[in-house]
Amino acid sequence: MPAETPRPDFAVLNHEMRTPLNAILGFAQMLLWDDEAPLPAKQREMVEHIQKGGEDLLALMDAWAEAQSR
């Protein structure tokens, strides 16, 4: 019988995913909120897509965490 590959603990996996995601969201917010050097329209649109995708992923991770806690 083959040995099972150990699965990472959910809390560790959740933390490992949230840390870089929060950095991405933070930098996106900084780019969008910089009044001294506003982004051109096309770049702003791209950063807004990055932020929306990150927020969607964070919501998915929150739902996953809630489901795991039940």
Protein backbone atom coordinates (compact mmCIF):
# COMPACT_ATOMS: atom_id res chain seq x y z
CA MET A 1 0.00 0.00 0.00
CA PRO A 2 1.58 3.35 -1.03
CA ALA A 3 2.17 5.92 1.68
CA GLU A 4 -0.19 8.86 1.56
CA THR A 5 1.28 12.25 0.86
CA PRO A 6 0.69 14.39 3.95
CA ARG A 7 -1.72 17.26 3.36
CA PRO A 8 -0.74 20.66 4.69
CA ASP A 9 -2.70 21.87 7.66
CA PHE A 10 -5.54 24.13 6.54
CA ALA A 11 -4.50 26.98 8.83
CA VAL A 12 -0.96 26.94 7.43
CA LEU A 13 -2.22 26.85 3.84
CA ASN A 14 -4.66 29.68 4.54
CA HIS A 15 -1.89 31.79 6.07
CA GLU A 16 0.54 31.03 3.25
CA MET A 17 -2.03 32.18 0.69
CA ARG A 18 -3.24 35.26 2.56
CA THR A 19 0.18 36.77 3.16
CA PRO A 20 1.09 37.40 -0.50
CA LEU A 21 -2.53 38.16 -1.41
CA ASN A 22 -2.69 40.92 1.21
CA ALA A 23 0.55 42.38 -0.16
CA ILE A 24 -0.91 42.40 -3.69
CA LEU A 25 -4.11 44.07 -2.47
CA GLY A 26 -2.15 46.62 -0.45
CA PHE A 27 0.05 47.62 -3.38
CA ALA A 28 -2.99 47.84 -5.67
CA GLN A 29 -4.69 50.18 -3.19
CA MET A 30 -1.55 52.31 -2.93
CA LEU A 31 -1.44 52.67 -6.72
CA LEU A 32 -5.14 53.56 -6.91
CA TRP A 33 -5.07 56.04 -4.01
CA ASP A 34 -1.90 57.94 -4.98
CA ASP A 35 -3.22 61.44 -5.67
CA GLU A 36 0.28 62.84 -6.30
CA ALA A 37 0.90 60.50 -9.26
CA PRO A 38 -2.47 59.33 -10.62
CA LEU A 39 -2.44 56.40 -13.01
CA PRO A 40 -3.39 56.82 -16.66
CA ALA A 41 -6.87 55.43 -17.38
CA LYS A 42 -5.71 52.13 -18.93
CA GLN A 43 -3.27 51.39 -16.10
CA ARG A 44 -5.92 52.31 -13.52
CA GLU A 45 -8.32 49.86 -15.16
CA MET A 46 -5.71 47.09 -15.02
CA VAL A 47 -4.93 47.74 -11.35
CA GLU A 48 -8.67 47.76 -10.59
CA HIS A 49 -8.89 44.31 -12.21
CA ILE A 50 -6.02 43.12 -10.02
CA GLN A 51 -7.75 44.49 -6.93
CA LYS A 52 -11.13 42.96 -7.86
CA GLY A 53 -9.55 39.57 -8.54
CA GLY A 54 -7.71 39.70 -5.23
CA GLU A 55 -10.87 40.65 -3.34
CA ASP A 56 -12.77 37.82 -5.04
CA LEU A 57 -10.03 35.35 -4.08
CA LEU A 58 -10.04 36.63 -0.50
CA ALA A 59 -13.83 36.16 -0.31
CA LEU A 60 -13.45 32.62 -1.64
CA MET A 61 -10.78 31.89 0.97
CA ASP A 62 -13.06 33.29 3.71
CA ALA A 63 -15.90 31.03 2.56
CA TRP A 64 -13.50 28.08 2.46
CA ALA A 65 -12.28 28.86 5.99
CA GLU A 66 -15.86 29.08 7.23
CA ALA A 67 -16.73 25.74 5.63
CA GLN A 68 -13.65 24.12 7.19
CA SER A 69 -14.61 25.37 10.66
CA ARG A 70 -17.97 23.59 10.60
